[in-house]
């Protein structure tokens, strides 16, 4: 379920960009961590897959991961107002997972403890 959500979110973003380009519009993306936004509401401790989905819905951060990585893992809670990448780091604390930036808006979540670029 979560893997499907991640892929659908990515495809929806891609299709929206393609449609805008076909209509003669331009696609402008802000660059840098602040462009990803911050959590709008607190995300409580919960199954990791649910927490990642909540973070993705509240920010412009997109995530790719195999849903089995999140299975049987619990996220740390994150208060409102935390920048997206900081929130992701907090959620992954103690899970044995890390992330790698793929571009300005997308991360890959993977096994291992070394997070970042």
PDB file of N, CA and C in Angstrom:
ATOM      1  N   UNK A   1       0.826  -1.198   0.000  1.00  0.00           N
ATOM      2  CA  UNK A   1       0.000   0.000   0.000  1.00  0.00           C
ATOM      3  C   UNK A   1       0.864   1.253   0.000  1.00  0.00           C
ATOM      4  N   UNK A   2       1.844   1.327   0.875  1.00  0.00           N
ATOM      5  CA  UNK A   2       2.667   2.521   0.974  1.00  0.00           C
ATOM      6  C   UNK A   2       3.519   2.683  -0.278  1.00  0.00           C
ATOM      7  N   UNK A   3       4.080   1.587  -0.790  1.00  0.00           N
ATOM      8  CA  UNK A   3       4.887   1.679  -2.001  1.00  0.00           C
ATOM      9  C   UNK A   3       4.037   2.253  -3.129  1.00  0.00           C
ATOM     10  N   UNK A   4       2.795   1.829  -3.240  1.00  0.00           N
ATOM     11  CA  UNK A   4       1.903   2.323  -4.276  1.00  0.00           C
ATOM     12  C   UNK A   4       1.668   3.817  -4.090  1.00  0.00           C
ATOM     13  N   UNK A   5       1.475   4.282  -2.874  1.00  0.00           N
ATOM     14  CA  UNK A   5       1.236   5.692  -2.605  1.00  0.00           C
ATOM     15  C   UNK A   5       2.436   6.519  -3.028  1.00  0.00           C
ATOM     16  N   UNK A   6       3.628   6.063  -2.699  1.00  0.00           N
ATOM     17  CA  UNK A   6       4.842   6.797  -3.053  1.00  0.00           C
ATOM     18  C   UNK A   6       4.957   6.916  -4.563  1.00  0.00           C
ATOM     19  N   UNK A   7       4.726   5.843  -5.280  1.00  0.00           N
ATOM     20  CA  UNK A   7       4.838   5.863  -6.727  1.00  0.00           C
ATOM     21  C   UNK A   7       3.739   6.743  -7.328  1.00  0.00           C
ATOM     22  N   UNK A   8       2.519   6.655  -6.828  1.00  0.00           N
ATOM     23  CA  UNK A   8       1.434   7.469  -7.359  1.00  0.00           C
ATOM     24  C   UNK A   8       1.681   8.949  -7.118  1.00  0.00           C
ATOM     25  N   UNK A   9       2.224   9.310  -5.981  1.00  0.00           N
ATOM     26  CA  UNK A   9       2.527  10.703  -5.701  1.00  0.00           C
ATOM     27  C   UNK A   9       3.565  11.214  -6.679  1.00  0.00           C
ATOM     28  N   UNK A  10       4.599  10.438  -6.922  1.00  0.00           N
ATOM     29  CA  UNK A  10       5.644  10.823  -7.859  1.00  0.00           C
ATOM     30  C   UNK A  10       5.066  10.959  -9.267  1.00  0.00           C
ATOM     31  N   UNK A  11       4.249   9.992  -9.701  1.00  0.00           N
ATOM     32  CA  UNK A  11       3.659  10.040 -11.036  1.00  0.00           C
ATOM     33  C   UNK A  11       2.705  11.217 -11.177  1.00  0.00           C
ATOM     34  N   UNK A  12       1.949  11.519 -10.144  1.00  0.00           N
ATOM     35  CA  UNK A  12       1.050  12.670 -10.186  1.00  0.00           C
ATOM     36  C   UNK A  12       1.813  13.970 -10.357  1.00  0.00           C
ATOM     37  N   UNK A  13       2.924  14.114  -9.663  1.00  0.00           N
ATOM     38  CA  UNK A  13       3.760  15.298  -9.794  1.00  0.00           C
ATOM     39  C   UNK A  13       4.344  15.383 -11.197  1.00  0.00           C
ATOM     40  N   UNK A  14       4.820  14.275 -11.720  1.00  0.00           N
ATOM     41  CA  UNK A  14       5.390  14.233 -13.055  1.00  0.00           C
ATOM     42  C   UNK A  14       4.342  14.583 -14.104  1.00  0.00           C
ATOM     43  N   UNK A  15       3.159  13.997 -14.005  1.00  0.00           N
ATOM     44  CA  UNK A  15       2.108  14.255 -14.992  1.00  0.00           C
ATOM     45  C   UNK A  15       1.661  15.716 -14.942  1.00  0.00           C
ATOM     46  N   UNK A  16       1.578  16.295 -13.764  1.00  0.00           N
ATOM     47  CA  UNK A  16       1.213  17.705 -13.648  1.00  0.00           C
ATOM     48  C   UNK A  16       2.238  18.599 -14.308  1.00  0.00           C
ATOM     49  N   UNK A  17       3.518  18.278 -14.154  1.00  0.00           N
ATOM     50  CA  UNK A  17       4.583  19.047 -14.780  1.00  0.00           C
ATOM     51  C   UNK A  17       4.525  18.920 -16.293  1.00  0.00           C
ATOM     52  N   UNK A  18       4.272  17.713 -16.787  1.00  0.00           N
ATOM     53  CA  UNK A  18       4.187  17.503 -18.227  1.00  0.00           C
ATOM     54  C   UNK A  18       2.992  18.240 -18.823  1.00  0.00           C
ATOM     55  N   UNK A  19       1.866  18.220 -18.124  1.00  0.00           N
ATOM     56  CA  UNK A  19       0.678  18.908 -18.617  1.00  0.00           C
ATOM     57  C   UNK A  19       0.911  20.411 -18.671  1.00  0.00           C
ATOM     58  N   UNK A  20       1.552  20.974 -17.689  1.00  0.00           N
ATOM     59  CA  UNK A  20       1.846  22.393 -17.663  1.00  0.00           C
ATOM     60  C   UNK A  20       2.761  22.759 -18.820  1.00  0.00           C
ATOM     61  N   UNK A  21       3.768  21.941 -19.065  1.00  0.00           N
ATOM     62  CA  UNK A  21       4.686  22.190 -20.167  1.00  0.00           C
ATOM     63  C   UNK A  21       3.983  22.117 -21.508  1.00  0.00           C
ATOM     64  N   UNK A  22       3.045  21.193 -21.667  1.00  0.00           N
ATOM     65  CA  UNK A  22       2.314  21.036 -22.928  1.00  0.00           C
ATOM     66  C   UNK A  22       1.407  22.234 -23.197  1.00  0.00           C
ATOM     67  N   UNK A  23       0.986  22.927 -22.141  1.00  0.00           N
ATOM     68  CA  UNK A  23       0.123  24.087 -22.321  1.00  0.00           C
ATOM     69  C   UNK A  23       0.928  25.363 -22.523  1.00  0.00           C
ATOM     70  N   UNK A  24       2.239  25.227 -22.663  1.00  0.00           N
ATOM     71  CA  UNK A  24       3.068  26.403 -22.888  1.00  0.00           C
ATOM     72  C   UNK A  24       3.516  27.068 -21.607  1.00  0.00           C
ATOM     73  N   UNK A  25       3.212  26.474 -20.487  1.00  0.00           N
ATOM     74  CA  UNK A  25       3.640  27.038 -19.216  1.00  0.00           C
ATOM     75  C   UNK A  25       5.056  26.633 -18.905  1.00  0.00           C
ATOM     76  N   UNK A  26       5.563  27.128 -17.833  1.00  0.00           N
ATOM     77  CA  UNK A  26       6.901  26.727 -17.419  1.00  0.00           C
ATOM     78  C   UNK A  26       6.809  26.146 -16.032  1.00  0.00           C
ATOM     79  N   UNK A  27       7.737  25.293 -15.734  1.00  0.00           N
ATOM     80  CA  UNK A  27       7.781  24.661 -14.433  1.00  0.00           C
ATOM     81  C   UNK A  27       8.971  25.234 -13.693  1.00  0.00           C
ATOM     82  N   UNK A  28       8.732  25.927 -12.612  1.00  0.00           N
ATOM     83  CA  UNK A  28       9.820  26.484 -11.819  1.00  0.00           C
ATOM     84  C   UNK A  28       9.847  25.806 -10.470  1.00  0.00           C
ATOM     85  N   UNK A  29      10.999  25.354 -10.062  1.00  0.00           N
ATOM     86  CA  UNK A  29      11.132  24.700  -8.768  1.00  0.00           C
ATOM     87  C   UNK A  29      12.094  25.488  -7.901  1.00  0.00           C
ATOM     88  N   UNK A  30      11.674  25.771  -6.691  1.00  0.00           N
ATOM     89  CA  UNK A  30      12.587  26.385  -5.749  1.00  0.00           C
ATOM     90  C   UNK A  30      13.625  25.343  -5.367  1.00  0.00           C
ATOM     91  N   UNK A  31      14.819  25.789  -5.049  1.00  0.00           N
ATOM     92  CA  UNK A  31      15.914  24.867  -4.770  1.00  0.00           C
ATOM     93  C   UNK A  31      16.357  25.018  -3.322  1.00  0.00           C
ATOM     94  N   UNK A  32      16.709  23.909  -2.710  1.00  0.00           N
ATOM     95  CA  UNK A  32      17.255  23.926  -1.364  1.00  0.00           C
ATOM     96  C   UNK A  32      16.282  23.364  -0.347  1.00  0.00           C
ATOM     97  N   UNK A  33      16.806  23.018   0.833  1.00  0.00           N
ATOM     98  CA  UNK A  33      15.985  22.399   1.874  1.00  0.00           C
ATOM     99  C   UNK A  33      14.786  23.242   2.295  1.00  0.00           C
ATOM    100  N   UNK A  34      14.912  24.564   2.310  1.00  0.00           N
ATOM    101  CA  UNK A  34      13.786  25.391   2.741  1.00  0.00           C
ATOM    102  C   UNK A  34      12.627  25.314   1.752  1.00  0.00           C
ATOM    103  N   UNK A  35      12.915  24.972   0.497  1.00  0.00           N
ATOM    104  CA  UNK A  35      11.867  24.851  -0.518  1.00  0.00           C
ATOM    105  C   UNK A  35      10.963  23.649  -0.256  1.00  0.00           C
ATOM    106  N   UNK A  36      11.397  22.735   0.588  1.00  0.00           N
ATOM    107  CA  UNK A  36      10.623  21.540   0.881  1.00  0.00           C
ATOM    108  C   UNK A  36       9.514  21.799   1.888  1.00  0.00           C
ATOM    109  N   UNK A  37       9.564  22.928   2.556  1.00  0.00           N
ATOM    110  CA  UNK A  37       8.543  23.253   3.538  1.00  0.00           C
ATOM    111  C   UNK A  37       8.823  22.612   4.893  1.00  0.00           C
ATOM    112  N   UNK A  38       7.870  22.775   5.771  1.00  0.00           N
ATOM    113  CA  UNK A  38       7.973  22.249   7.133  1.00  0.00           C
ATOM    114  C   UNK A  38       6.670  21.552   7.486  1.00  0.00           C
ATOM    115  N   UNK A  39       6.717  20.753   8.530  1.00  0.00           N
ATOM    116  CA  UNK A  39       5.509  20.059   8.957  1.00  0.00           C
ATOM    117  C   UNK A  39       4.454  21.093   9.376  1.00  0.00           C
ATOM    118  N   UNK A  40       3.245  20.888   8.904  1.00  0.00           N
ATOM    119  CA  UNK A  40       2.154  21.810   9.221  1.00  0.00           C
ATOM    120  C   UNK A  40       1.474  21.443  10.537  1.00  0.00           C
ATOM    121  N   UNK A  41       1.521  20.174  10.871  1.00  0.00           N
ATOM    122  CA  UNK A  41       0.941  19.665  12.118  1.00  0.00           C
ATOM    123  C   UNK A  41       1.897  18.629  12.690  1.00  0.00           C
ATOM    124  N   UNK A  42       1.784  18.394  13.971  1.00  0.00           N
ATOM    125  CA  UNK A  42       2.624  17.374  14.605  1.00  0.00           C
ATOM    126  C   UNK A  42       2.323  16.013  13.989  1.00  0.00           C
ATOM    127  N   UNK A  43       3.361  15.200  13.857  1.00  0.00           N
ATOM    128  CA  UNK A  43       3.203  13.827  13.383  1.00  0.00           C
ATOM    129  C   UNK A  43       3.578  12.929  14.554  1.00  0.00           C
ATOM    130  N   UNK A  44       2.600  12.251  15.146  1.00  0.00           N
ATOM    131  CA  UNK A  44       2.873  11.452  16.345  1.00  0.00           C
ATOM    132  C   UNK A  44       3.640  10.168  16.032  1.00  0.00           C
ATOM    133  N   UNK A  45       4.159   9.546  17.071  1.00  0.00           N
ATOM    134  CA  UNK A  45       4.780   8.232  16.938  1.00  0.00           C
ATOM    135  C   UNK A  45       3.736   7.280  16.379  1.00  0.00           C
ATOM    136  N   UNK A  46       4.119   6.541  15.359  1.00  0.00           N
ATOM    137  CA  UNK A  46       3.194   5.632  14.678  1.00  0.00           C
ATOM    138  C   UNK A  46       3.999   4.696  13.787  1.00  0.00           C
ATOM    139  N   UNK A  47       3.346   3.744  13.128  1.00  0.00           N
ATOM    140  CA  UNK A  47       4.093   2.905  12.188  1.00  0.00           C
ATOM    141  C   UNK A  47       4.822   3.790  11.179  1.00  0.00           C
ATOM    142  N   UNK A  48       6.058   3.437  10.874  1.00  0.00           N
ATOM    143  CA  UNK A  48       6.906   4.285  10.046  1.00  0.00           C
ATOM    144  C   UNK A  48       6.284   4.609   8.700  1.00  0.00           C
ATOM    145  N   UNK A  49       5.687   3.641   8.036  1.00  0.00           N
ATOM    146  CA  UNK A  49       5.073   3.897   6.739  1.00  0.00           C
ATOM    147  C   UNK A  49       4.009   4.973   6.807  1.00  0.00           C
ATOM    148  N   UNK A  50       3.206   4.952   7.839  1.00  0.00           N
ATOM    149  CA  UNK A  50       2.156   5.964   8.022  1.00  0.00           C
ATOM    150  C   UNK A  50       2.765   7.337   8.292  1.00  0.00           C
ATOM    151  N   UNK A  51       3.816   7.367   9.081  1.00  0.00           N
ATOM    152  CA  UNK A  51       4.471   8.636   9.392  1.00  0.00           C
ATOM    153  C   UNK A  51       5.113   9.241   8.141  1.00  0.00           C
ATOM    154  N   UNK A  52       5.748   8.415   7.327  1.00  0.00           N
ATOM    155  CA  UNK A  52       6.366   8.913   6.093  1.00  0.00           C
ATOM    156  C   UNK A  52       5.304   9.459   5.148  1.00  0.00           C
ATOM    157  N   UNK A  53       4.188   8.788   5.076  1.00  0.00           N
ATOM    158  CA  UNK A  53       3.089   9.257   4.238  1.00  0.00           C
ATOM    159  C   UNK A  53       2.582  10.615   4.737  1.00  0.00           C
ATOM    160  N   UNK A  54       2.440  10.765   6.044  1.00  0.00           N
ATOM    161  CA  UNK A  54       1.995  12.033   6.626  1.00  0.00           C
ATOM    162  C   UNK A  54       2.987  13.153   6.314  1.00  0.00           C
ATOM    163  N   UNK A  55       4.275  12.862   6.422  1.00  0.00           N
ATOM    164  CA  UNK A  55       5.299  13.866   6.125  1.00  0.00           C
ATOM    165  C   UNK A  55       5.229  14.275   4.657  1.00  0.00           C
ATOM    166  N   UNK A  56       5.059  13.320   3.804  1.00  0.00           N
ATOM    167  CA  UNK A  56       4.986  13.601   2.369  1.00  0.00           C
ATOM    168  C   UNK A  56       3.772  14.475   2.036  1.00  0.00           C
ATOM    169  N   UNK A  57       2.666  14.237   2.706  1.00  0.00           N
ATOM    170  CA  UNK A  57       1.448  15.031   2.455  1.00  0.00           C
ATOM    171  C   UNK A  57       1.578  16.461   2.979  1.00  0.00           C
ATOM    172  N   UNK A  58       2.380  16.661   4.030  1.00  0.00           N
ATOM    173  CA  UNK A  58       2.502  17.985   4.634  1.00  0.00           C
ATOM    174  C   UNK A  58       3.593  18.847   4.009  1.00  0.00           C
ATOM    175  N   UNK A  59       4.502  18.254   3.271  1.00  0.00           N
ATOM    176  CA  UNK A  59       5.647  18.979   2.717  1.00  0.00           C
ATOM    177  C   UNK A  59       5.778  18.680   1.221  1.00  0.00           C
ATOM    178  N   UNK A  60       6.769  19.278   0.601  1.00  0.00           N
ATOM    179  CA  UNK A  60       7.058  19.008  -0.815  1.00  0.00           C
ATOM    180  C   UNK A  60       8.123  17.932  -0.975  1.00  0.00           C
ATOM    181  N   UNK A  61       8.438  17.224   0.090  1.00  0.00           N
ATOM    182  CA  UNK A  61       9.416  16.149   0.036  1.00  0.00           C
ATOM    183  C   UNK A  61       8.769  14.896  -0.541  1.00  0.00           C
ATOM    184  N   UNK A  62       9.396  14.326  -1.546  1.00  0.00           N
ATOM    185  CA  UNK A  62       8.929  13.077  -2.154  1.00  0.00           C
ATOM    186  C   UNK A  62       9.896  11.970  -1.761  1.00  0.00           C
ATOM    187  N   UNK A  63       9.382  10.761  -1.560  1.00  0.00           N
ATOM    188  CA  UNK A  63      10.204   9.653  -1.076  1.00  0.00           C
ATOM    189  C   UNK A  63      10.018   8.413  -1.929  1.00  0.00           C
ATOM    190  N   UNK A  64      11.109   7.728  -2.161  1.00  0.00           N
ATOM    191  CA  UNK A  64      11.088   6.427  -2.825  1.00  0.00           C
ATOM    192  C   UNK A  64      11.649   5.410  -1.846  1.00  0.00           C
ATOM    193  N   UNK A  65      10.933   4.324  -1.663  1.00  0.00           N
ATOM    194  CA  UNK A  65      11.438   3.253  -0.809  1.00  0.00           C
ATOM    195  C   UNK A  65      10.622   1.997  -1.019  1.00  0.00           C
ATOM    196  N   UNK A  66      11.219   0.897  -0.686  1.00  0.00           N
ATOM    197  CA  UNK A  66      10.521  -0.387  -0.721  1.00  0.00           C
ATOM    198  C   UNK A  66       9.742  -0.484   0.583  1.00  0.00           C
ATOM    199  N   UNK A  67       8.448  -0.728   0.474  1.00  0.00           N
ATOM    200  CA  UNK A  67       7.603  -0.700   1.666  1.00  0.00           C
ATOM    201  C   UNK A  67       8.050  -1.694   2.738  1.00  0.00           C
ATOM    202  N   UNK A  68       8.709  -2.782   2.345  1.00  0.00           N
ATOM    203  CA  UNK A  68       9.183  -3.767   3.324  1.00  0.00           C
ATOM    204  C   UNK A  68      10.200  -3.157   4.295  1.00  0.00           C
ATOM    205  N   UNK A  69      10.904  -2.097   3.871  1.00  0.00           N
ATOM    206  CA  UNK A  69      11.865  -1.441   4.767  1.00  0.00           C
ATOM    207  C   UNK A  69      11.179  -0.831   5.982  1.00  0.00           C
ATOM    208  N   UNK A  70       9.962  -0.358   5.806  1.00  0.00           N
ATOM    209  CA  UNK A  70       9.248   0.308   6.896  1.00  0.00           C
ATOM    210  C   UNK A  70       8.457  -0.660   7.767  1.00  0.00           C
ATOM    211  N   UNK A  71       8.314  -1.884   7.303  1.00  0.00           N
ATOM    212  CA  UNK A  71       7.510  -2.867   8.027  1.00  0.00           C
ATOM    213  C   UNK A  71       8.060  -3.101   9.433  1.00  0.00           C
ATOM    214  N   UNK A  72       7.179  -3.140  10.397  1.00  0.00           N
ATOM    215  CA  UNK A  72       7.512  -3.412  11.803  1.00  0.00           C
ATOM    216  C   UNK A  72       8.444  -2.367  12.416  1.00  0.00           C
ATOM    217  N   UNK A  73       8.485  -1.166  11.840  1.00  0.00           N
ATOM    218  CA  UNK A  73       9.292  -0.083  12.405  1.00  0.00           C
ATOM    219  C   UNK A  73       8.353   1.035  12.852  1.00  0.00           C
ATOM    220  N   UNK A  74       8.748   1.718  13.905  1.00  0.00           N
ATOM    221  CA  UNK A  74       7.964   2.817  14.459  1.00  0.00           C
ATOM    222  C   UNK A  74       8.764   4.099  14.342  1.00  0.00           C
ATOM    223  N   UNK A  75       8.089   5.166  13.946  1.00  0.00           N
ATOM    224  CA  UNK A  75       8.765   6.462  13.806  1.00  0.00           C
ATOM    225  C   UNK A  75       8.801   7.178  15.143  1.00  0.00           C
ATOM    226  N   UNK A  76       9.737   8.108  15.229  1.00  0.00           N
ATOM    227  CA  UNK A  76       9.736   9.042  16.347  1.00  0.00           C
ATOM    228  C   UNK A  76       8.724  10.130  16.015  1.00  0.00           C
ATOM    229  N   UNK A  77       8.182  10.776  17.028  1.00  0.00           N
ATOM    230  CA  UNK A  77       7.228  11.864  16.772  1.00  0.00           C
ATOM    231  C   UNK A  77       7.972  13.114  16.315  1.00  0.00           C
ATOM    232  N   UNK A  78       7.269  13.967  15.575  1.00  0.00           N
ATOM    233  CA  UNK A  78       7.835  15.212  15.060  1.00  0.00           C
ATOM    234  C   UNK A  78       6.819  16.324  15.316  1.00  0.00           C
ATOM    235  N   UNK A  79       7.245  17.417  15.953  1.00  0.00           N
ATOM    236  CA  UNK A  79       6.304  18.515  16.190  1.00  0.00           C
ATOM    237  C   UNK A  79       6.027  19.324  14.921  1.00  0.00           C
ATOM    238  N   UNK A  80       5.017  20.152  14.964  1.00  0.00           N
ATOM    239  CA  UNK A  80       4.708  21.047  13.852  1.00  0.00           C
ATOM    240  C   UNK A  80       5.843  22.058  13.681  1.00  0.00           C
ATOM    241  N   UNK A  81       6.051  22.495  12.431  1.00  0.00           N
ATOM    242  CA  UNK A  81       7.028  23.539  12.154  1.00  0.00           C
ATOM    243  C   UNK A  81       8.445  23.068  11.910  1.00  0.00           C
ATOM    244  N   UNK A  82       8.672  21.768  11.871  1.00  0.00           N
ATOM    245  CA  UNK A  82      10.023  21.236  11.660  1.00  0.00           C
ATOM    246  C   UNK A  82      10.285  21.131  10.154  1.00  0.00           C
ATOM    247  N   UNK A  83      11.426  21.655   9.662  1.00  0.00           N
ATOM    248  CA  UNK A  83      11.748  21.525   8.242  1.00  0.00           C
ATOM    249  C   UNK A  83      11.717  20.061   7.796  1.00  0.00           C
ATOM    250  N   UNK A  84      11.312  19.831   6.555  1.00  0.00           N
ATOM    251  CA  UNK A  84      11.066  18.483   6.038  1.00  0.00           C
ATOM    252  C   UNK A  84      12.224  17.516   6.261  1.00  0.00           C
ATOM    253  N   UNK A  85      13.439  17.901   5.914  1.00  0.00           N
ATOM    254  CA  UNK A  85      14.563  16.965   6.066  1.00  0.00           C
ATOM    255  C   UNK A  85      14.885  16.694   7.528  1.00  0.00           C
ATOM    256  N   UNK A  86      14.739  17.703   8.374  1.00  0.00           N
ATOM    257  CA  UNK A  86      14.945  17.487   9.811  1.00  0.00           C
ATOM    258  C   UNK A  86      13.880  16.537  10.362  1.00  0.00           C
ATOM    259  N   UNK A  87      12.646  16.701   9.885  1.00  0.00           N
ATOM    260  CA  UNK A  87      11.561  15.806  10.311  1.00  0.00           C
ATOM    261  C   UNK A  87      11.849  14.375   9.883  1.00  0.00           C
ATOM    262  N   UNK A  88      12.324  14.204   8.653  1.00  0.00           N
ATOM    263  CA  UNK A  88      12.661  12.869   8.172  1.00  0.00           C
ATOM    264  C   UNK A  88      13.763  12.246   9.018  1.00  0.00           C
ATOM    265  N   UNK A  89      14.792  13.011   9.323  1.00  0.00           N
ATOM    266  CA  UNK A  89      15.880  12.502  10.180  1.00  0.00           C
ATOM    267  C   UNK A  89      15.336  12.050  11.530  1.00  0.00           C
ATOM    268  N   UNK A  90      14.450  12.857  12.120  1.00  0.00           N
ATOM    269  CA  UNK A  90      13.870  12.490  13.420  1.00  0.00           C
ATOM    270  C   UNK A  90      13.062  11.201  13.305  1.00  0.00           C
ATOM    271  N   UNK A  91      12.269  11.089  12.254  1.00  0.00           N
ATOM    272  CA  UNK A  91      11.436   9.896  12.076  1.00  0.00           C
ATOM    273  C   UNK A  91      12.259   8.632  11.920  1.00  0.00           C
ATOM    274  N   UNK A  92      13.395   8.740  11.256  1.00  0.00           N
ATOM    275  CA  UNK A  92      14.223   7.564  10.985  1.00  0.00           C
ATOM    276  C   UNK A  92      15.138   7.184  12.146  1.00  0.00           C
ATOM    277  N   UNK A  93      15.252   8.045  13.155  1.00  0.00           N
ATOM    278  CA  UNK A  93      16.126   7.777  14.299  1.00  0.00           C
ATOM    279  C   UNK A  93      15.760   6.445  14.957  1.00  0.00           C
ATOM    280  N   UNK A  94      16.744   5.579  15.081  1.00  0.00           N
ATOM    281  CA  UNK A  94      16.553   4.297  15.748  1.00  0.00           C
ATOM    282  C   UNK A  94      15.915   3.213  14.889  1.00  0.00           C
ATOM    283  N   UNK A  95      15.657   3.481  13.610  1.00  0.00           N
ATOM    284  CA  UNK A  95      15.023   2.490  12.747  1.00  0.00           C
ATOM    285  C   UNK A  95      16.025   1.650  11.966  1.00  0.00           C
ATOM    286  N   UNK A  96      17.289   2.094  11.928  1.00  0.00           N
ATOM    287  CA  UNK A  96      18.276   1.406  11.101  1.00  0.00           C
ATOM    288  C   UNK A  96      18.186   1.806   9.635  1.00  0.00           C
ATOM    289  N   UNK A  97      17.387   2.852   9.344  1.00  0.00           N
ATOM    290  CA  UNK A  97      17.237   3.337   7.977  1.00  0.00           C
ATOM    291  C   UNK A  97      17.859   4.716   7.831  1.00  0.00           C
ATOM    292  N   UNK A  98      18.189   5.059   6.603  1.00  0.00           N
ATOM    293  CA  UNK A  98      18.736   6.368   6.293  1.00  0.00           C
ATOM    294  C   UNK A  98      18.132   6.834   4.980  1.00  0.00           C
ATOM    295  N   UNK A  99      18.547   8.011   4.534  1.00  0.00           N
ATOM    296  CA  UNK A  99      18.058   8.494   3.252  1.00  0.00           C
ATOM    297  C   UNK A  99      19.202   9.078   2.448  1.00  0.00           C
ATOM    298  N   UNK A 100      18.988   9.138   1.151  1.00  0.00           N
ATOM    299  CA  UNK A 100      19.937   9.759   0.237  1.00  0.00           C
ATOM    300  C   UNK A 100      19.140  10.714  -0.647  1.00  0.00           C
ATOM    301  N   UNK A 101      19.634  11.935  -0.799  1.00  0.00           N
ATOM    302  CA  UNK A 101      18.985  12.902  -1.677  1.00  0.00           C
ATOM    303  C   UNK A 101      19.181  12.465  -3.126  1.00  0.00           C
ATOM    304  N   UNK A 102      18.100  12.378  -3.881  1.00  0.00           N
ATOM    305  CA  UNK A 102      18.179  12.049  -5.306  1.00  0.00           C
ATOM    306  C   UNK A 102      18.146  13.310  -6.155  1.00  0.00           C
ATOM    307  N   UNK A 103      17.406  14.310  -5.702  1.00  0.00           N
ATOM    308  CA  UNK A 103      17.389  15.636  -6.317  1.00  0.00           C
ATOM    309  C   UNK A 103      16.886  16.610  -5.255  1.00  0.00           C
ATOM    310  N   UNK A 104      16.517  17.804  -5.648  1.00  0.00           N
ATOM    311  CA  UNK A 104      16.128  18.818  -4.656  1.00  0.00           C
ATOM    312  C   UNK A 104      14.847  18.510  -3.895  1.00  0.00           C
ATOM    313  N   UNK A 105      14.034  17.594  -4.406  1.00  0.00           N
ATOM    314  CA  UNK A 105      12.750  17.309  -3.773  1.00  0.00           C
ATOM    315  C   UNK A 105      12.523  15.832  -3.467  1.00  0.00           C
ATOM    316  N   UNK A 106      13.464  14.969  -3.802  1.00  0.00           N
ATOM    317  CA  UNK A 106      13.223  13.541  -3.654  1.00  0.00           C
ATOM    318  C   UNK A 106      14.367  12.858  -2.912  1.00  0.00           C
ATOM    319  N   UNK A 107      13.973  11.956  -2.007  1.00  0.00           N
ATOM    320  CA  UNK A 107      14.949  11.142  -1.279  1.00  0.00           C
ATOM    321  C   UNK A 107      14.641   9.671  -1.499  1.00  0.00           C
ATOM    322  N   UNK A 108      15.676   8.874  -1.381  1.00  0.00           N
ATOM    323  CA  UNK A 108      15.522   7.419  -1.362  1.00  0.00           C
ATOM    324  C   UNK A 108      15.780   6.974   0.062  1.00  0.00           C
ATOM    325  N   UNK A 109      14.858   6.228   0.624  1.00  0.00           N
ATOM    326  CA  UNK A 109      15.055   5.678   1.967  1.00  0.00           C
ATOM    327  C   UNK A 109      15.635   4.299   1.803  1.00  0.00           C
ATOM    328  N   UNK A 110      16.703   4.029   2.572  1.00  0.00           N
ATOM    329  CA  UNK A 110      17.435   2.759   2.416  1.00  0.00           C
ATOM    330  C   UNK A 110      17.906   2.249   3.773  1.00  0.00           C
ATOM    331  N   UNK A 111      18.318   1.007   3.790  1.00  0.00           N
ATOM    332  CA  UNK A 111      18.873   0.411   5.009  1.00  0.00           C
ATOM    333  C   UNK A 111      20.237   1.033   5.273  1.00  0.00           C
ATOM    334  N   UNK A 112      20.548   1.274   6.533  1.00  0.00           N
ATOM    335  CA  UNK A 112      21.828   1.863   6.919  1.00  0.00           C
ATOM    336  C   UNK A 112      21.618   3.133   7.708  1.00  0.00           C
ATOM    337  N   UNK A 113      22.634   3.554   8.412  1.00  0.00           N
ATOM    338  CA  UNK A 113      22.515   4.697   9.317  1.00  0.00           C
ATOM    339  C   UNK A 113      23.085   6.013   8.791  1.00  0.00           C
ATOM    340  N   UNK A 114      23.660   6.067   7.591  1.00  0.00           N
ATOM    341  CA  UNK A 114      24.272   7.301   7.100  1.00  0.00           C
ATOM    342  C   UNK A 114      23.286   8.093   6.249  1.00  0.00           C
ATOM    343  N   UNK A 115      22.686   9.128   6.825  1.00  0.00           N
ATOM    344  CA  UNK A 115      21.698   9.934   6.104  1.00  0.00           C
ATOM    345  C   UNK A 115      22.344  11.149   5.475  1.00  0.00           C
ATOM    346  N   UNK A 116      21.713  11.640   4.424  1.00  0.00           N
ATOM    347  CA  UNK A 116      22.132  12.890   3.795  1.00  0.00           C
ATOM    348  C   UNK A 116      22.420  12.717   2.330  1.00  0.00           C
ATOM    349  N   UNK A 117      23.285  13.589   1.840  1.00  0.00           N
ATOM    350  CA  UNK A 117      23.593  13.620   0.401  1.00  0.00           C
ATOM    351  C   UNK A 117      24.572  12.620   0.008  1.00  0.00           C
TER     352      UNK A 117
END
